[in-house]
């Protein structure tokens, strides 16, 4: 079995991360969770991926899309049906 293309970097019990989990599940998208360090200053992996240390961060290897929670706002998830039609 192949690993899912989508990786969600998240914290345990983070309400913003849980919202993303619910949405990904609603959309029926396969993903893997990468739990990150609780200390903000220790999240170097997230910093390398998204340029910030804040979570949640989604990376989709198939589409090259990286999304992060910034300034209290979460961008809309891409329309995966439309992306599939283009690919």
PDB file of N, CA and C in Angstrom:
ATOM      1  N   UNK A   1       0.843  -1.184   0.000  1.00  0.00           N
ATOM      2  CA  UNK A   1       0.000   0.000   0.000  1.00  0.00           C
ATOM      3  C   UNK A   1       0.882   1.238   0.000  1.00  0.00           C
ATOM      4  N   UNK A   2       0.553   2.205  -0.827  1.00  0.00           N
ATOM      5  CA  UNK A   2       1.322   3.444  -0.902  1.00  0.00           C
ATOM      6  C   UNK A   2       0.942   4.383   0.229  1.00  0.00           C
ATOM      7  N   UNK A   3       1.911   5.202   0.630  1.00  0.00           N
ATOM      8  CA  UNK A   3       1.622   6.242   1.615  1.00  0.00           C
ATOM      9  C   UNK A   3       0.736   7.295   0.968  1.00  0.00           C
ATOM     10  N   UNK A   4      -0.168   7.888   1.748  1.00  0.00           N
ATOM     11  CA  UNK A   4      -0.996   8.971   1.202  1.00  0.00           C
ATOM     12  C   UNK A   4      -0.132  10.146   0.753  1.00  0.00           C
ATOM     13  N   UNK A   5      -0.585  10.847  -0.282  1.00  0.00           N
ATOM     14  CA  UNK A   5       0.148  12.011  -0.791  1.00  0.00           C
ATOM     15  C   UNK A   5       0.024  13.207   0.139  1.00  0.00           C
ATOM     16  N   UNK A   6      -1.035  13.234   0.960  1.00  0.00           N
ATOM     17  CA  UNK A   6      -1.287  14.374   1.843  1.00  0.00           C
ATOM     18  C   UNK A   6      -0.724  14.093   3.230  1.00  0.00           C
ATOM     19  N   UNK A   7       0.047  15.052   3.731  1.00  0.00           N
ATOM     20  CA  UNK A   7       0.567  14.980   5.093  1.00  0.00           C
ATOM     21  C   UNK A   7       0.060  16.180   5.868  1.00  0.00           C
ATOM     22  N   UNK A   8      -0.492  15.916   7.040  1.00  0.00           N
ATOM     23  CA  UNK A   8      -0.980  16.958   7.933  1.00  0.00           C
ATOM     24  C   UNK A   8      -0.050  17.035   9.134  1.00  0.00           C
ATOM     25  N   UNK A   9       0.668  18.139   9.255  1.00  0.00           N
ATOM     26  CA  UNK A   9       1.482  18.387  10.451  1.00  0.00           C
ATOM     27  C   UNK A   9       0.571  19.025  11.478  1.00  0.00           C
ATOM     28  N   UNK A  10       0.533  18.426  12.684  1.00  0.00           N
ATOM     29  CA  UNK A  10      -0.443  18.864  13.668  1.00  0.00           C
ATOM     30  C   UNK A  10       0.045  18.632  15.088  1.00  0.00           C
ATOM     31  N   UNK A  11      -0.681  19.222  16.012  1.00  0.00           N
ATOM     32  CA  UNK A  11      -0.453  19.034  17.443  1.00  0.00           C
ATOM     33  C   UNK A  11      -1.567  18.183  18.016  1.00  0.00           C
ATOM     34  N   UNK A  12      -1.248  17.419  19.038  1.00  0.00           N
ATOM     35  CA  UNK A  12      -2.265  16.674  19.768  1.00  0.00           C
ATOM     36  C   UNK A  12      -3.248  17.663  20.405  1.00  0.00           C
ATOM     37  N   UNK A  13      -4.532  17.438  20.279  1.00  0.00           N
ATOM     38  CA  UNK A  13      -5.594  18.228  20.914  1.00  0.00           C
ATOM     39  C   UNK A  13      -5.638  19.690  20.469  1.00  0.00           C
ATOM     40  N   UNK A  14      -5.102  20.001  19.304  1.00  0.00           N
ATOM     41  CA  UNK A  14      -5.167  21.363  18.754  1.00  0.00           C
ATOM     42  C   UNK A  14      -6.519  21.531  18.054  1.00  0.00           C
ATOM     43  N   UNK A  15      -7.346  22.495  18.479  1.00  0.00           N
ATOM     44  CA  UNK A  15      -8.673  22.634  17.870  1.00  0.00           C
ATOM     45  C   UNK A  15      -8.628  22.985  16.384  1.00  0.00           C
ATOM     46  N   UNK A  16      -7.651  23.764  15.965  1.00  0.00           N
ATOM     47  CA  UNK A  16      -7.537  24.111  14.548  1.00  0.00           C
ATOM     48  C   UNK A  16      -7.135  22.884  13.732  1.00  0.00           C
ATOM     49  N   UNK A  17      -6.244  22.085  14.289  1.00  0.00           N
ATOM     50  CA  UNK A  17      -5.829  20.848  13.625  1.00  0.00           C
ATOM     51  C   UNK A  17      -7.001  19.879  13.521  1.00  0.00           C
ATOM     52  N   UNK A  18      -7.794  19.791  14.568  1.00  0.00           N
ATOM     53  CA  UNK A  18      -8.949  18.892  14.563  1.00  0.00           C
ATOM     54  C   UNK A  18      -9.969  19.305  13.506  1.00  0.00           C
ATOM     55  N   UNK A  19     -10.133  20.602  13.279  1.00  0.00           N
ATOM     56  CA  UNK A  19     -11.033  21.071  12.216  1.00  0.00           C
ATOM     57  C   UNK A  19     -10.563  20.563  10.855  1.00  0.00           C
ATOM     58  N   UNK A  20      -9.255  20.575  10.649  1.00  0.00           N
ATOM     59  CA  UNK A  20      -8.704  20.094   9.381  1.00  0.00           C
ATOM     60  C   UNK A  20      -8.922  18.589   9.254  1.00  0.00           C
ATOM     61  N   UNK A  21      -8.709  17.849  10.326  1.00  0.00           N
ATOM     62  CA  UNK A  21      -8.935  16.401  10.319  1.00  0.00           C
ATOM     63  C   UNK A  21     -10.382  16.097   9.929  1.00  0.00           C
ATOM     64  N   UNK A  22     -11.319  16.799  10.535  1.00  0.00           N
ATOM     65  CA  UNK A  22     -12.737  16.596  10.230  1.00  0.00           C
ATOM     66  C   UNK A  22     -13.004  16.876   8.753  1.00  0.00           C
ATOM     67  N   UNK A  23     -12.454  17.958   8.227  1.00  0.00           N
ATOM     68  CA  UNK A  23     -12.683  18.326   6.822  1.00  0.00           C
ATOM     69  C   UNK A  23     -12.068  17.300   5.874  1.00  0.00           C
ATOM     70  N   UNK A  24     -10.851  16.876   6.136  1.00  0.00           N
ATOM     71  CA  UNK A  24     -10.216  15.864   5.286  1.00  0.00           C
ATOM     72  C   UNK A  24     -11.023  14.571   5.299  1.00  0.00           C
ATOM     73  N   UNK A  25     -11.515  14.184   6.484  1.00  0.00           N
ATOM     74  CA  UNK A  25     -12.346  12.983   6.590  1.00  0.00           C
ATOM     75  C   UNK A  25     -13.658  13.154   5.832  1.00  0.00           C
ATOM     76  N   UNK A  26     -14.286  14.328   5.951  1.00  0.00           N
ATOM     77  CA  UNK A  26     -15.532  14.602   5.216  1.00  0.00           C
ATOM     78  C   UNK A  26     -15.320  14.481   3.712  1.00  0.00           C
ATOM     79  N   UNK A  27     -14.171  14.951   3.241  1.00  0.00           N
ATOM     80  CA  UNK A  27     -13.858  14.901   1.812  1.00  0.00           C
ATOM     81  C   UNK A  27     -13.419  13.510   1.354  1.00  0.00           C
ATOM     82  N   UNK A  28     -13.204  12.612   2.313  1.00  0.00           N
ATOM     83  CA  UNK A  28     -12.781  11.259   1.973  1.00  0.00           C
ATOM     84  C   UNK A  28     -11.356  11.179   1.461  1.00  0.00           C
ATOM     85  N   UNK A  29     -10.522  12.128   1.861  1.00  0.00           N
ATOM     86  CA  UNK A  29      -9.133  12.162   1.401  1.00  0.00           C
ATOM     87  C   UNK A  29      -8.240  11.358   2.340  1.00  0.00           C
ATOM     88  N   UNK A  30      -7.379  10.533   1.758  1.00  0.00           N
ATOM     89  CA  UNK A  30      -6.396   9.804   2.558  1.00  0.00           C
ATOM     90  C   UNK A  30      -5.275  10.756   2.932  1.00  0.00           C
ATOM     91  N   UNK A  31      -4.821  10.673   4.163  1.00  0.00           N
ATOM     92  CA  UNK A  31      -3.734  11.527   4.630  1.00  0.00           C
ATOM     93  C   UNK A  31      -3.023  10.833   5.779  1.00  0.00           C
ATOM     94  N   UNK A  32      -1.840  11.300   6.058  1.00  0.00           N
ATOM     95  CA  UNK A  32      -1.120  10.817   7.244  1.00  0.00           C
ATOM     96  C   UNK A  32      -0.919  12.007   8.161  1.00  0.00           C
ATOM     97  N   UNK A  33      -0.974  11.755   9.445  1.00  0.00           N
ATOM     98  CA  UNK A  33      -0.738  12.800  10.440  1.00  0.00           C
ATOM     99  C   UNK A  33       0.706  12.726  10.904  1.00  0.00           C
ATOM    100  N   UNK A  34       1.334  13.871  10.964  1.00  0.00           N
ATOM    101  CA  UNK A  34       2.680  13.986  11.540  1.00  0.00           C
ATOM    102  C   UNK A  34       2.526  14.885  12.763  1.00  0.00           C
ATOM    103  N   UNK A  35       2.637  14.284  13.939  1.00  0.00           N
ATOM    104  CA  UNK A  35       2.512  15.065  15.168  1.00  0.00           C
ATOM    105  C   UNK A  35       3.838  15.767  15.440  1.00  0.00           C
ATOM    106  N   UNK A  36       3.764  17.058  15.707  1.00  0.00           N
ATOM    107  CA  UNK A  36       4.961  17.884  15.872  1.00  0.00           C
ATOM    108  C   UNK A  36       5.191  18.209  17.338  1.00  0.00           C
ATOM    109  N   UNK A  37       6.350  18.781  17.607  1.00  0.00           N
ATOM    110  CA  UNK A  37       6.729  19.150  18.968  1.00  0.00           C
ATOM    111  C   UNK A  37       5.777  20.198  19.534  1.00  0.00           C
ATOM    112  N   UNK A  38       5.396  20.049  20.804  1.00  0.00           N
ATOM    113  CA  UNK A  38       4.503  21.034  21.411  1.00  0.00           C
ATOM    114  C   UNK A  38       5.137  22.420  21.561  1.00  0.00           C
ATOM    115  N   UNK A  39       6.437  22.470  21.802  1.00  0.00           N
ATOM    116  CA  UNK A  39       7.104  23.769  21.956  1.00  0.00           C
ATOM    117  C   UNK A  39       7.268  24.431  20.588  1.00  0.00           C
ATOM    118  N   UNK A  40       6.686  25.605  20.453  1.00  0.00           N
ATOM    119  CA  UNK A  40       6.719  26.351  19.196  1.00  0.00           C
ATOM    120  C   UNK A  40       8.142  26.470  18.658  1.00  0.00           C
ATOM    121  N   UNK A  41       9.090  26.757  19.518  1.00  0.00           N
ATOM    122  CA  UNK A  41      10.479  26.969  19.085  1.00  0.00           C
ATOM    123  C   UNK A  41      11.160  25.681  18.622  1.00  0.00           C
ATOM    124  N   UNK A  42      10.563  24.517  18.889  1.00  0.00           N
ATOM    125  CA  UNK A  42      11.155  23.236  18.489  1.00  0.00           C
ATOM    126  C   UNK A  42      10.585  22.686  17.180  1.00  0.00           C
ATOM    127  N   UNK A  43       9.764  23.436  16.506  1.00  0.00           N
ATOM    128  CA  UNK A  43       9.092  22.934  15.299  1.00  0.00           C
ATOM    129  C   UNK A  43       9.872  23.265  14.027  1.00  0.00           C
ATOM    130  N   UNK A  44      11.128  22.877  13.992  1.00  0.00           N
ATOM    131  CA  UNK A  44      11.968  23.162  12.827  1.00  0.00           C
ATOM    132  C   UNK A  44      11.470  22.458  11.566  1.00  0.00           C
ATOM    133  N   UNK A  45      10.911  21.267  11.720  1.00  0.00           N
ATOM    134  CA  UNK A  45      10.400  20.536  10.556  1.00  0.00           C
ATOM    135  C   UNK A  45       9.286  21.336   9.885  1.00  0.00           C
ATOM    136  N   UNK A  46       8.373  21.864  10.681  1.00  0.00           N
ATOM    137  CA  UNK A  46       7.274  22.664  10.134  1.00  0.00           C
ATOM    138  C   UNK A  46       7.818  23.939   9.494  1.00  0.00           C
ATOM    139  N   UNK A  47       8.798  24.548  10.116  1.00  0.00           N
ATOM    140  CA  UNK A  47       9.412  25.776   9.582  1.00  0.00           C
ATOM    141  C   UNK A  47      10.014  25.510   8.202  1.00  0.00           C
ATOM    142  N   UNK A  48      10.690  24.378   8.042  1.00  0.00           N
ATOM    143  CA  UNK A  48      11.285  24.040   6.741  1.00  0.00           C
ATOM    144  C   UNK A  48      10.207  23.822   5.678  1.00  0.00           C
ATOM    145  N   UNK A  49       9.093  23.239   6.068  1.00  0.00           N
ATOM    146  CA  UNK A  49       8.029  22.928   5.109  1.00  0.00           C
ATOM    147  C   UNK A  49       7.253  24.174   4.695  1.00  0.00           C
ATOM    148  N   UNK A  50       6.817  24.961   5.701  1.00  0.00           N
ATOM    149  CA  UNK A  50       5.862  26.040   5.436  1.00  0.00           C
ATOM    150  C   UNK A  50       6.414  27.437   5.651  1.00  0.00           C
ATOM    151  N   UNK A  51       7.625  27.532   6.187  1.00  0.00           N
ATOM    152  CA  UNK A  51       8.199  28.848   6.438  1.00  0.00           C
ATOM    153  C   UNK A  51       7.762  29.464   7.754  1.00  0.00           C
ATOM    154  N   UNK A  52       6.903  28.769   8.484  1.00  0.00           N
ATOM    155  CA  UNK A  52       6.444  29.203   9.803  1.00  0.00           C
ATOM    156  C   UNK A  52       6.400  27.985  10.719  1.00  0.00           C
ATOM    157  N   UNK A  53       6.259  28.220  12.003  1.00  0.00           N
ATOM    158  CA  UNK A  53       6.206  27.113  12.956  1.00  0.00           C
ATOM    159  C   UNK A  53       4.788  26.823  13.455  1.00  0.00           C
ATOM    160  N   UNK A  54       3.811  27.531  12.928  1.00  0.00           N
ATOM    161  CA  UNK A  54       2.428  27.371  13.355  1.00  0.00           C
ATOM    162  C   UNK A  54       1.791  26.179  12.639  1.00  0.00           C
ATOM    163  N   UNK A  55       0.964  25.431  13.342  1.00  0.00           N
ATOM    164  CA  UNK A  55       0.214  24.327  12.746  1.00  0.00           C
ATOM    165  C   UNK A  55      -1.271  24.624  12.848  1.00  0.00           C
ATOM    166  N   UNK A  56      -2.070  24.020  12.020  1.00  0.00           N
ATOM    167  CA  UNK A  56      -1.808  22.911  11.111  1.00  0.00           C
ATOM    168  C   UNK A  56      -1.178  23.356   9.789  1.00  0.00           C
ATOM    169  N   UNK A  57      -0.457  22.409   9.183  1.00  0.00           N
ATOM    170  CA  UNK A  57       0.121  22.594   7.855  1.00  0.00           C
ATOM    171  C   UNK A  57      -0.220  21.347   7.043  1.00  0.00           C
ATOM    172  N   UNK A  58      -0.710  21.562   5.837  1.00  0.00           N
ATOM    173  CA  UNK A  58      -1.007  20.462   4.920  1.00  0.00           C
ATOM    174  C   UNK A  58      -0.045  20.544   3.744  1.00  0.00           C
ATOM    175  N   UNK A  59       0.519  19.397   3.377  1.00  0.00           N
ATOM    176  CA  UNK A  59       1.340  19.298   2.172  1.00  0.00           C
ATOM    177  C   UNK A  59       0.753  18.177   1.322  1.00  0.00           C
ATOM    178  N   UNK A  60       0.452  18.494   0.072  1.00  0.00           N
ATOM    179  CA  UNK A  60      -0.029  17.491  -0.875  1.00  0.00           C
ATOM    180  C   UNK A  60       1.069  17.278  -1.911  1.00  0.00           C
ATOM    181  N   UNK A  61       1.723  16.141  -1.839  1.00  0.00           N
ATOM    182  CA  UNK A  61       2.847  15.842  -2.738  1.00  0.00           C
ATOM    183  C   UNK A  61       2.397  15.712  -4.192  1.00  0.00           C
ATOM    184  N   UNK A  62       1.149  15.295  -4.425  1.00  0.00           N
ATOM    185  CA  UNK A  62       0.665  15.138  -5.807  1.00  0.00           C
ATOM    186  C   UNK A  62       0.539  16.464  -6.521  1.00  0.00           C
ATOM    187  N   UNK A  63       0.031  17.467  -5.806  1.00  0.00           N
ATOM    188  CA  UNK A  63      -0.259  18.750  -6.448  1.00  0.00           C
ATOM    189  C   UNK A  63       0.785  19.815  -6.160  1.00  0.00           C
ATOM    190  N   UNK A  64       1.657  19.565  -5.176  1.00  0.00           N
ATOM    191  CA  UNK A  64       2.633  20.569  -4.779  1.00  0.00           C
ATOM    192  C   UNK A  64       2.044  21.655  -3.901  1.00  0.00           C
ATOM    193  N   UNK A  65       0.803  21.472  -3.443  1.00  0.00           N
ATOM    194  CA  UNK A  65       0.131  22.472  -2.612  1.00  0.00           C
ATOM    195  C   UNK A  65       0.594  22.343  -1.166  1.00  0.00           C
ATOM    196  N   UNK A  66       1.013  23.472  -0.579  1.00  0.00           N
ATOM    197  CA  UNK A  66       1.319  23.558   0.846  1.00  0.00           C
ATOM    198  C   UNK A  66       0.448  24.658   1.418  1.00  0.00           C
ATOM    199  N   UNK A  67      -0.300  24.323   2.475  1.00  0.00           N
ATOM    200  CA  UNK A  67      -1.180  25.310   3.102  1.00  0.00           C
ATOM    201  C   UNK A  67      -0.897  25.347   4.594  1.00  0.00           C
ATOM    202  N   UNK A  68      -0.968  26.533   5.162  1.00  0.00           N
ATOM    203  CA  UNK A  68      -0.697  26.700   6.587  1.00  0.00           C
ATOM    204  C   UNK A  68      -1.700  27.655   7.206  1.00  0.00           C
ATOM    205  N   UNK A  69      -1.940  27.461   8.490  1.00  0.00           N
ATOM    206  CA  UNK A  69      -2.798  28.348   9.282  1.00  0.00           C
ATOM    207  C   UNK A  69      -1.984  29.586   9.586  1.00  0.00           C
ATOM    208  N   UNK A  70      -2.387  30.726   9.050  1.00  0.00           N
ATOM    209  CA  UNK A  70      -1.624  31.961   9.224  1.00  0.00           C
ATOM    210  C   UNK A  70      -2.564  33.074   9.667  1.00  0.00           C
ATOM    211  N   UNK A  71      -2.152  33.808  10.674  1.00  0.00           N
ATOM    212  CA  UNK A  71      -2.874  35.006  11.131  1.00  0.00           C
ATOM    213  C   UNK A  71      -4.345  34.728  11.406  1.00  0.00           C
ATOM    214  N   UNK A  72      -4.605  33.569  12.001  1.00  0.00           N
ATOM    215  CA  UNK A  72      -5.972  33.255  12.388  1.00  0.00           C
ATOM    216  C   UNK A  72      -6.894  32.881  11.249  1.00  0.00           C
ATOM    217  N   UNK A  73      -6.344  32.600  10.077  1.00  0.00           N
ATOM    218  CA  UNK A  73      -7.174  32.234   8.928  1.00  0.00           C
ATOM    219  C   UNK A  73      -6.638  30.975   8.277  1.00  0.00           C
ATOM    220  N   UNK A  74      -7.555  30.181   7.817  1.00  0.00           N
ATOM    221  CA  UNK A  74      -7.196  28.964   7.103  1.00  0.00           C
ATOM    222  C   UNK A  74      -7.726  29.094   5.687  1.00  0.00           C
ATOM    223  N   UNK A  75      -6.874  28.915   4.672  1.00  0.00           N
ATOM    224  CA  UNK A  75      -7.371  29.011   3.298  1.00  0.00           C
ATOM    225  C   UNK A  75      -8.309  27.849   2.993  1.00  0.00           C
ATOM    226  N   UNK A  76      -9.170  28.040   2.015  1.00  0.00           N
ATOM    227  CA  UNK A  76     -10.048  26.956   1.593  1.00  0.00           C
ATOM    228  C   UNK A  76      -9.208  25.827   1.017  1.00  0.00           C
ATOM    229  N   UNK A  77      -9.635  24.600   1.280  1.00  0.00           N
ATOM    230  CA  UNK A  77      -8.967  23.464   0.665  1.00  0.00           C
ATOM    231  C   UNK A  77      -9.214  23.519  -0.833  1.00  0.00           C
ATOM    232  N   UNK A  78      -8.250  23.083  -1.627  1.00  0.00           N
ATOM    233  CA  UNK A  78      -8.459  23.105  -3.074  1.00  0.00           C
ATOM    234  C   UNK A  78      -9.603  22.177  -3.464  1.00  0.00           C
ATOM    235  N   UNK A  79     -10.230  22.464  -4.592  1.00  0.00           N
ATOM    236  CA  UNK A  79     -11.281  21.613  -5.131  1.00  0.00           C
ATOM    237  C   UNK A  79     -10.598  20.417  -5.798  1.00  0.00           C
ATOM    238  N   UNK A  80     -10.505  19.309  -5.053  1.00  0.00           N
ATOM    239  CA  UNK A  80      -9.765  18.157  -5.554  1.00  0.00           C
ATOM    240  C   UNK A  80     -10.412  17.548  -6.787  1.00  0.00           C
ATOM    241  N   UNK A  81     -11.737  17.645  -6.916  1.00  0.00           N
ATOM    242  CA  UNK A  81     -12.384  17.137  -8.124  1.00  0.00           C
ATOM    243  C   UNK A  81     -11.910  17.915  -9.345  1.00  0.00           C
ATOM    244  N   UNK A  82     -11.804  19.231  -9.223  1.00  0.00           N
ATOM    245  CA  UNK A  82     -11.335  20.063 -10.331  1.00  0.00           C
ATOM    246  C   UNK A  82      -9.868  19.771 -10.635  1.00  0.00           C
ATOM    247  N   UNK A  83      -9.063  19.572  -9.596  1.00  0.00           N
ATOM    248  CA  UNK A  83      -7.650  19.257  -9.812  1.00  0.00           C
ATOM    249  C   UNK A  83      -7.499  17.927 -10.544  1.00  0.00           C
ATOM    250  N   UNK A  84      -8.332  16.942 -10.208  1.00  0.00           N
ATOM    251  CA  UNK A  84      -8.274  15.644 -10.872  1.00  0.00           C
ATOM    252  C   UNK A  84      -8.604  15.784 -12.356  1.00  0.00           C
ATOM    253  N   UNK A  85      -9.563  16.653 -12.704  1.00  0.00           N
ATOM    254  CA  UNK A  85      -9.963  16.830 -14.094  1.00  0.00           C
ATOM    255  C   UNK A  85      -8.867  17.493 -14.908  1.00  0.00           C
ATOM    256  N   UNK A  86      -8.084  18.352 -14.283  1.00  0.00           N
ATOM    257  CA  UNK A  86      -7.007  19.053 -14.979  1.00  0.00           C
ATOM    258  C   UNK A  86      -5.825  18.121 -15.204  1.00  0.00           C
ATOM    259  N   UNK A  87      -5.555  17.266 -14.231  1.00  0.00           N
ATOM    260  CA  UNK A  87      -4.368  16.394 -14.283  1.00  0.00           C
ATOM    261  C   UNK A  87      -4.467  15.337 -15.333  1.00  0.00           C
TER     262      UNK A  87
END
